[in-house]
Amino acid sequence: HATNNFPEFTGRLCPAPCEAACVLAISPEA
């Protein structure tokens, strides 16, 4: 909540650019 007023909204509705930028997304082997 320090950075996000409504995490229950983003956790359900955002397509998650955070996950696309996760280092484990570099290779399927991860």
Full PDB file with SEQRES, HELIX, SHEET, SSBOND, CRYST1, ORIGX, SCALE, CONECT and MASTER records, all heavy atoms in Angstrom:
SEQRES   1 A   30  HIS ALA THR ASN ASN PHE PRO GLU PHE THR GLY ARG LEU          
SEQRES   2 A   30  CYS PRO ALA PRO CYS GLU ALA ALA CYS VAL LEU ALA ILE          
SEQRES   3 A   30  SER PRO GLU ALA                                              
HELIX    1 AA1 PRO A    7  LEU A   13  1                                   7    
HELIX    2 AA2 PRO A   17  ALA A   20  1                                   4    
HELIX    3 AA3 VAL A   23  ALA A   25  5                                   3    
CRYST1    1.000    1.000    1.000  90.00  90.00  90.00 P 1           1          
ORIGX1      1.000000  0.000000  0.000000        0.00000                         
ORIGX2      0.000000  1.000000  0.000000        0.00000                         
ORIGX3      0.000000  0.000000  1.000000        0.00000                         
SCALE1      1.000000  0.000000  0.000000        0.00000                         
SCALE2      0.000000  1.000000  0.000000        0.00000                         
SCALE3      0.000000  0.000000  1.000000        0.00000                         
ATOM      1  N   HIS A   1       0.809  -1.218   0.000  1.00  0.00           N  
ATOM      2  CA  HIS A   1       0.000   0.000   0.000  1.00  0.00           C  
ATOM      3  C   HIS A   1       0.845   1.273   0.000  1.00  0.00           C  
ATOM      4  O   HIS A   1       0.329   2.360  -0.263  1.00  0.00           O  
ATOM      5  CB  HIS A   1      -0.948   0.006   1.198  1.00  0.00           C  
ATOM      6  CG  HIS A   1      -2.157  -0.869   1.006  1.00  0.00           C  
ATOM      7  ND1 HIS A   1      -2.183  -2.184   1.399  1.00  0.00           N  
ATOM      8  CD2 HIS A   1      -3.368  -0.613   0.444  1.00  0.00           C  
ATOM      9  CE1 HIS A   1      -3.360  -2.710   1.105  1.00  0.00           C  
ATOM     10  NE2 HIS A   1      -4.099  -1.777   0.521  1.00  0.00           N  
ATOM     11  N   ALA A   2       2.129   1.151   0.267  1.00  0.00           N  
ATOM     12  CA  ALA A   2       2.999   2.324   0.241  1.00  0.00           C  
ATOM     13  C   ALA A   2       3.096   2.929  -1.158  1.00  0.00           C  
ATOM     14  O   ALA A   2       3.361   4.131  -1.307  1.00  0.00           O  
ATOM     15  CB  ALA A   2       4.396   1.959   0.746  1.00  0.00           C  
ATOM     16  N   THR A   3       2.879   2.110  -2.184  1.00  0.00           N  
ATOM     17  CA  THR A   3       3.012   2.597  -3.559  1.00  0.00           C  
ATOM     18  C   THR A   3       1.730   2.450  -4.380  1.00  0.00           C  
ATOM     19  O   THR A   3       1.670   2.967  -5.488  1.00  0.00           O  
ATOM     20  CB  THR A   3       4.133   1.835  -4.291  1.00  0.00           C  
ATOM     21  OG1 THR A   3       3.833   0.429  -4.279  1.00  0.00           O  
ATOM     22  CG2 THR A   3       5.482   2.062  -3.625  1.00  0.00           C  
ATOM     23  N   ASN A   4       0.747   1.746  -3.851  1.00  0.00           N  
ATOM     24  CA  ASN A   4      -0.435   1.426  -4.649  1.00  0.00           C  
ATOM     25  C   ASN A   4      -1.681   1.589  -3.787  1.00  0.00           C  
ATOM     26  O   ASN A   4      -1.845   0.889  -2.786  1.00  0.00           O  
ATOM     27  CB  ASN A   4      -0.334  -0.015  -5.175  1.00  0.00           C  
ATOM     28  CG  ASN A   4      -1.417  -0.370  -6.168  1.00  0.00           C  
ATOM     29  OD1 ASN A   4      -2.389   0.357  -6.350  1.00  0.00           O  
ATOM     30  ND2 ASN A   4      -1.260  -1.506  -6.824  1.00  0.00           N  
ATOM     31  N   ASN A   5      -2.564   2.507  -4.180  1.00  0.00           N  
ATOM     32  CA  ASN A   5      -3.795   2.723  -3.418  1.00  0.00           C  
ATOM     33  C   ASN A   5      -4.758   1.555  -3.509  1.00  0.00           C  
ATOM     34  O   ASN A   5      -5.493   1.276  -2.561  1.00  0.00           O  
ATOM     35  CB  ASN A   5      -4.502   3.986  -3.930  1.00  0.00           C  
ATOM     36  CG  ASN A   5      -3.678   5.231  -3.752  1.00  0.00           C  
ATOM     37  OD1 ASN A   5      -2.688   5.428  -4.458  1.00  0.00           O  
ATOM     38  ND2 ASN A   5      -4.057   6.086  -2.813  1.00  0.00           N  
ATOM     39  N   PHE A   6      -4.759   0.857  -4.643  1.00  0.00           N  
ATOM     40  CA  PHE A   6      -5.795  -0.140  -4.888  1.00  0.00           C  
ATOM     41  C   PHE A   6      -5.203  -1.434  -5.450  1.00  0.00           C  
ATOM     42  O   PHE A   6      -5.462  -1.815  -6.596  1.00  0.00           O  
ATOM     43  CB  PHE A   6      -6.844   0.419  -5.862  1.00  0.00           C  
ATOM     44  CG  PHE A   6      -7.280   1.822  -5.552  1.00  0.00           C  
ATOM     45  CD1 PHE A   6      -7.139   2.835  -6.492  1.00  0.00           C  
ATOM     46  CD2 PHE A   6      -7.828   2.138  -4.318  1.00  0.00           C  
ATOM     47  CE1 PHE A   6      -7.541   4.128  -6.213  1.00  0.00           C  
ATOM     48  CE2 PHE A   6      -8.231   3.428  -4.022  1.00  0.00           C  
ATOM     49  CZ  PHE A   6      -8.090   4.439  -4.967  1.00  0.00           C  
ATOM     50  N   PRO A   7      -4.405  -2.151  -4.654  1.00  0.00           N  
ATOM     51  CA  PRO A   7      -3.749  -3.350  -5.201  1.00  0.00           C  
ATOM     52  C   PRO A   7      -4.708  -4.473  -5.558  1.00  0.00           C  
ATOM     53  O   PRO A   7      -4.384  -5.321  -6.386  1.00  0.00           O  
ATOM     54  CB  PRO A   7      -2.803  -3.766  -4.067  1.00  0.00           C  
ATOM     55  CG  PRO A   7      -3.377  -3.160  -2.831  1.00  0.00           C  
ATOM     56  CD  PRO A   7      -4.004  -1.872  -3.277  1.00  0.00           C  
ATOM     57  N   GLU A   8      -5.913  -4.504  -4.942  1.00  0.00           N  
ATOM     58  CA  GLU A   8      -6.871  -5.538  -5.332  1.00  0.00           C  
ATOM     59  C   GLU A   8      -7.411  -5.284  -6.735  1.00  0.00           C  
ATOM     60  O   GLU A   8      -7.864  -6.219  -7.403  1.00  0.00           O  
ATOM     61  CB  GLU A   8      -8.023  -5.646  -4.320  1.00  0.00           C  
ATOM     62  CG  GLU A   8      -8.894  -4.412  -4.225  1.00  0.00           C  
ATOM     63  CD  GLU A   8      -8.395  -3.415  -3.192  1.00  0.00           C  
ATOM     64  OE1 GLU A   8      -7.180  -3.206  -3.093  1.00  0.00           O  
ATOM     65  OE2 GLU A   8      -9.232  -2.829  -2.486  1.00  0.00           O  
ATOM     66  N   PHE A   9      -7.356  -4.033  -7.208  1.00  0.00           N  
ATOM     67  CA  PHE A   9      -7.754  -3.734  -8.586  1.00  0.00           C  
ATOM     68  C   PHE A   9      -6.652  -4.170  -9.553  1.00  0.00           C  
ATOM     69  O   PHE A   9      -6.900  -4.899 -10.513  1.00  0.00           O  
ATOM     70  CB  PHE A   9      -8.008  -2.239  -8.778  1.00  0.00           C  
ATOM     71  CG  PHE A   9      -9.080  -1.644  -7.896  1.00  0.00           C  
ATOM     72  CD1 PHE A   9      -9.240  -0.265  -7.820  1.00  0.00           C  
ATOM     73  CD2 PHE A   9      -9.928  -2.436  -7.141  1.00  0.00           C  
ATOM     74  CE1 PHE A   9     -10.221   0.300  -7.014  1.00  0.00           C  
ATOM     75  CE2 PHE A   9     -10.919  -1.887  -6.333  1.00  0.00           C  
ATOM     76  CZ  PHE A   9     -11.048  -0.503  -6.271  1.00  0.00           C  
ATOM     77  N   THR A  10      -5.435  -3.699  -9.301  1.00  0.00           N  
ATOM     78  CA  THR A  10      -4.336  -4.010 -10.219  1.00  0.00           C  
ATOM     79  C   THR A  10      -4.019  -5.497 -10.216  1.00  0.00           C  
ATOM     80  O   THR A  10      -3.664  -6.074 -11.247  1.00  0.00           O  
ATOM     81  CB  THR A  10      -3.079  -3.205  -9.850  1.00  0.00           C  
ATOM     82  OG1 THR A  10      -2.769  -3.415  -8.465  1.00  0.00           O  
ATOM     83  CG2 THR A  10      -3.309  -1.719 -10.077  1.00  0.00           C  
ATOM     84  N   GLY A  11      -4.144  -6.139  -9.046  1.00  0.00           N  
ATOM     85  CA  GLY A  11      -3.857  -7.571  -8.974  1.00  0.00           C  
ATOM     86  C   GLY A  11      -4.813  -8.419  -9.782  1.00  0.00           C  
ATOM     87  O   GLY A  11      -4.515  -9.576 -10.091  1.00  0.00           O  
ATOM     88  N   ARG A  12      -5.963  -7.852 -10.140  1.00  0.00           N  
ATOM     89  CA  ARG A  12      -6.941  -8.583 -10.945  1.00  0.00           C  
ATOM     90  C   ARG A  12      -7.006  -8.084 -12.388  1.00  0.00           C  
ATOM     91  O   ARG A  12      -7.314  -8.855 -13.298  1.00  0.00           O  
ATOM     92  CB  ARG A  12      -8.326  -8.474 -10.302  1.00  0.00           C  
ATOM     93  CG  ARG A  12      -8.474  -9.299  -9.030  1.00  0.00           C  
ATOM     94  CD  ARG A  12      -9.729  -8.951  -8.270  1.00  0.00           C  
ATOM     95  NE  ARG A  12     -10.012  -9.922  -7.207  1.00  0.00           N  
ATOM     96  CZ  ARG A  12      -9.440  -9.906  -6.005  1.00  0.00           C  
ATOM     97  NH1 ARG A  12      -8.563  -8.941  -5.702  1.00  0.00           N  
ATOM     98  NH2 ARG A  12      -9.742 -10.818  -5.097  1.00  0.00           N  
ATOM     99  N   LEU A  13      -6.753  -6.800 -12.608  1.00  0.00           N  
ATOM    100  CA  LEU A  13      -7.049  -6.194 -13.908  1.00  0.00           C  
ATOM    101  C   LEU A  13      -5.819  -5.811 -14.718  1.00  0.00           C  
ATOM    102  O   LEU A  13      -5.909  -5.692 -15.936  1.00  0.00           O  
ATOM    103  CB  LEU A  13      -7.916  -4.943 -13.706  1.00  0.00           C  
ATOM    104  CG  LEU A  13      -9.223  -5.143 -12.935  1.00  0.00           C  
ATOM    105  CD1 LEU A  13      -9.944  -3.811 -12.774  1.00  0.00           C  
ATOM    106  CD2 LEU A  13     -10.117  -6.158 -13.623  1.00  0.00           C  
ATOM    107  N   CYS A  14      -4.693  -5.578 -14.068  1.00  0.00           N  
ATOM    108  CA  CYS A  14      -3.508  -5.150 -14.810  1.00  0.00           C  
ATOM    109  C   CYS A  14      -2.920  -6.326 -15.577  1.00  0.00           C  
ATOM    110  O   CYS A  14      -2.815  -7.432 -15.033  1.00  0.00           O  
ATOM    111  CB  CYS A  14      -2.471  -4.578 -13.837  1.00  0.00           C  
ATOM    112  SG  CYS A  14      -0.983  -3.983 -14.659  1.00  0.00           S  
ATOM    113  N   PRO A  15      -2.497  -6.137 -16.830  1.00  0.00           N  
ATOM    114  CA  PRO A  15      -1.879  -7.238 -17.586  1.00  0.00           C  
ATOM    115  C   PRO A  15      -0.454  -7.546 -17.144  1.00  0.00           C  
ATOM    116  O   PRO A  15       0.182  -8.425 -17.718  1.00  0.00           O  
ATOM    117  CB  PRO A  15      -1.918  -6.732 -19.032  1.00  0.00           C  
ATOM    118  CG  PRO A  15      -1.914  -5.251 -18.910  1.00  0.00           C  
ATOM    119  CD  PRO A  15      -2.702  -4.933 -17.662  1.00  0.00           C  
ATOM    120  N   ALA A  16       0.039  -6.831 -16.143  1.00  0.00           N  
ATOM    121  CA  ALA A  16       1.305  -7.160 -15.473  1.00  0.00           C  
ATOM    122  C   ALA A  16       2.553  -6.928 -16.315  1.00  0.00           C  
ATOM    123  O   ALA A  16       3.280  -7.880 -16.641  1.00  0.00           O  
ATOM    124  CB  ALA A  16       1.273  -8.597 -14.945  1.00  0.00           C  
ATOM    125  N   PRO A  17       2.847  -5.675 -16.654  1.00  0.00           N  
ATOM    126  CA  PRO A  17       4.165  -5.407 -17.256  1.00  0.00           C  
ATOM    127  C   PRO A  17       5.298  -5.775 -16.315  1.00  0.00           C  
ATOM    128  O   PRO A  17       6.412  -6.035 -16.766  1.00  0.00           O  
ATOM    129  CB  PRO A  17       4.122  -3.893 -17.545  1.00  0.00           C  
ATOM    130  CG  PRO A  17       3.033  -3.344 -16.680  1.00  0.00           C  
ATOM    131  CD  PRO A  17       2.038  -4.446 -16.532  1.00  0.00           C  
ATOM    132  N   CYS A  18       5.014  -5.827 -15.005  1.00  0.00           N  
ATOM    133  CA  CYS A  18       6.037  -6.251 -14.039  1.00  0.00           C  
ATOM    134  C   CYS A  18       6.490  -7.671 -14.325  1.00  0.00           C  
ATOM    135  O   CYS A  18       7.694  -7.985 -14.219  1.00  0.00           O  
ATOM    136  CB  CYS A  18       5.489  -6.134 -12.614  1.00  0.00           C  
ATOM    137  SG  CYS A  18       3.930  -7.019 -12.342  1.00  0.00           S  
ATOM    138  N   GLU A  19       5.563  -8.547 -14.668  1.00  0.00           N  
ATOM    139  CA  GLU A  19       5.923  -9.942 -14.936  1.00  0.00           C  
ATOM    140  C   GLU A  19       6.687 -10.064 -16.250  1.00  0.00           C  
ATOM    141  O   GLU A  19       7.613 -10.876 -16.364  1.00  0.00           O  
ATOM    142  CB  GLU A  19       4.674 -10.813 -14.952  1.00  0.00           C  
ATOM    143  CG  GLU A  19       4.000 -10.930 -13.589  1.00  0.00           C  
ATOM    144  CD  GLU A  19       2.869 -11.945 -13.571  1.00  0.00           C  
ATOM    145  OE1 GLU A  19       2.699 -12.667 -14.574  1.00  0.00           O  
ATOM    146  OE2 GLU A  19       2.159 -12.025 -12.548  1.00  0.00           O  
ATOM    147  N   ALA A  20       6.309  -9.252 -17.241  1.00  0.00           N  
ATOM    148  CA  ALA A  20       7.048  -9.276 -18.511  1.00  0.00           C  
ATOM    149  C   ALA A  20       8.485  -8.820 -18.311  1.00  0.00           C  
ATOM    150  O   ALA A  20       9.392  -9.246 -19.038  1.00  0.00           O  
ATOM    151  CB  ALA A  20       6.350  -8.390 -19.537  1.00  0.00           C  
ATOM    152  N   ALA A  21       8.720  -7.938 -17.319  1.00  0.00           N  
ATOM    153  CA  ALA A  21      10.057  -7.405 -17.062  1.00  0.00           C  
ATOM    154  C   ALA A  21      10.814  -8.195 -15.999  1.00  0.00           C  
ATOM    155  O   ALA A  21      11.960  -7.866 -15.690  1.00  0.00           O  
ATOM    156  CB  ALA A  21       9.953  -5.937 -16.639  1.00  0.00           C  
ATOM    157  N   CYS A  22      10.200  -9.224 -15.429  1.00  0.00           N  
ATOM    158  CA  CYS A  22      10.867 -10.065 -14.430  1.00  0.00           C  
ATOM    159  C   CYS A  22      12.081 -10.742 -15.062  1.00  0.00           C  
ATOM    160  O   CYS A  22      12.024 -11.216 -16.210  1.00  0.00           O  
ATOM    161  CB  CYS A  22       9.881 -11.109 -13.907  1.00  0.00           C  
ATOM    162  SG  CYS A  22      10.578 -12.318 -12.758  1.00  0.00           S  
ATOM    163  N   VAL A  23      13.178 -10.809 -14.330  1.00  0.00           N  
ATOM    164  CA  VAL A  23      14.393 -11.432 -14.860  1.00  0.00           C  
ATOM    165  C   VAL A  23      14.146 -12.898 -15.214  1.00  0.00           C  
ATOM    166  O   VAL A  23      14.732 -13.425 -16.165  1.00  0.00           O  
ATOM    167  CB  VAL A  23      15.548 -11.285 -13.850  1.00  0.00           C  
ATOM    168  CG1 VAL A  23      16.749 -12.133 -14.257  1.00  0.00           C  
ATOM    169  CG2 VAL A  23      15.965  -9.823 -13.744  1.00  0.00           C  
ATOM    170  N   LEU A  24      13.253 -13.566 -14.491  1.00  0.00           N  
ATOM    171  CA  LEU A  24      12.949 -14.961 -14.798  1.00  0.00           C  
ATOM    172  C   LEU A  24      12.166 -15.119 -16.095  1.00  0.00           C  
ATOM    173  O   LEU A  24      11.942 -16.244 -16.540  1.00  0.00           O  
ATOM    174  CB  LEU A  24      12.172 -15.606 -13.650  1.00  0.00           C  
ATOM    175  CG  LEU A  24      12.931 -15.769 -12.333  1.00  0.00           C  
ATOM    176  CD1 LEU A  24      12.064 -16.452 -11.291  1.00  0.00           C  
ATOM    177  CD2 LEU A  24      14.221 -16.555 -12.544  1.00  0.00           C  
ATOM    178  N   ALA A  25      11.735 -13.989 -16.695  1.00  0.00           N  
ATOM    179  CA  ALA A  25      11.036 -14.051 -17.975  1.00  0.00           C  
ATOM    180  C   ALA A  25      12.002 -14.005 -19.155  1.00  0.00           C  
ATOM    181  O   ALA A  25      11.572 -14.098 -20.307  1.00  0.00           O  
ATOM    182  CB  ALA A  25      10.034 -12.898 -18.087  1.00  0.00           C  
ATOM    183  N   ILE A  26      13.285 -13.867 -18.882  1.00  0.00           N  
ATOM    184  CA  ILE A  26      14.250 -13.794 -19.983  1.00  0.00           C  
ATOM    185  C   ILE A  26      14.273 -15.088 -20.775  1.00  0.00           C  
ATOM    186  O   ILE A  26      14.296 -15.093 -22.003  1.00  0.00           O  
ATOM    187  CB  ILE A  26      15.661 -13.478 -19.437  1.00  0.00           C  
ATOM    188  CG1 ILE A  26      15.697 -12.085 -18.815  1.00  0.00           C  
ATOM    189  CG2 ILE A  26      16.694 -13.574 -20.561  1.00  0.00           C  
ATOM    190  CD1 ILE A  26      17.034 -11.730 -18.195  1.00  0.00           C  
ATOM    191  N   SER A  27      14.256 -16.209 -20.062  1.00  0.00           N  
ATOM    192  CA  SER A  27      14.344 -17.507 -20.717  1.00  0.00           C  
ATOM    193  C   SER A  27      13.281 -18.453 -20.182  1.00  0.00           C  
ATOM    194  O   SER A  27      13.074 -18.521 -18.968  1.00  0.00           O  
ATOM    195  CB  SER A  27      15.733 -18.129 -20.493  1.00  0.00           C  
ATOM    196  OG  SER A  27      15.765 -19.483 -20.925  1.00  0.00           O  
ATOM    197  N   PRO A  28      12.618 -19.210 -21.064  1.00  0.00           N  
ATOM    198  CA  PRO A  28      11.641 -20.213 -20.589  1.00  0.00           C  
ATOM    199  C   PRO A  28      12.259 -21.241 -19.659  1.00  0.00           C  
ATOM    200  O   PRO A  28      11.561 -21.843 -18.838  1.00  0.00           O  
ATOM    201  CB  PRO A  28      11.144 -20.860 -21.889  1.00  0.00           C  
ATOM    202  CG  PRO A  28      11.449 -19.875 -22.970  1.00  0.00           C  
ATOM    203  CD  PRO A  28      12.685 -19.155 -22.534  1.00  0.00           C  
ATOM    204  N   GLU A  29      13.575 -21.445 -19.760  1.00  0.00           N  
ATOM    205  CA  GLU A  29      14.239 -22.433 -18.921  1.00  0.00           C  
ATOM    206  C   GLU A  29      14.205 -22.055 -17.437  1.00  0.00           C  
ATOM    207  O   GLU A  29      14.426 -22.902 -16.566  1.00  0.00           O  
ATOM    208  CB  GLU A  29      15.689 -22.619 -19.378  1.00  0.00           C  
ATOM    209  CG  GLU A  29      15.808 -23.198 -20.784  1.00  0.00           C  
ATOM    210  CD  GLU A  29      17.255 -23.334 -21.230  1.00  0.00           C  
ATOM    211  OE1 GLU A  29      18.150 -23.023 -20.412  1.00  0.00           O  
ATOM    212  OE2 GLU A  29      17.484 -23.746 -22.380  1.00  0.00           O  
ATOM    213  N   ALA A  30      13.924 -20.765 -17.136  1.00  0.00           N  
ATOM    214  CA  ALA A  30      13.847 -20.328 -15.742  1.00  0.00           C  
ATOM    215  C   ALA A  30      12.514 -20.681 -15.108  1.00  0.00           C  
ATOM    216  O   ALA A  30      12.312 -20.443 -13.914  1.00  0.00           O  
ATOM    217  CB  ALA A  30      14.084 -18.822 -15.660  1.00  0.00           C  
TER     218      ALA A  30                                                      
MASTER        0    0    0    3    0    0    0    6  217    1    0    3          
END                                                                             
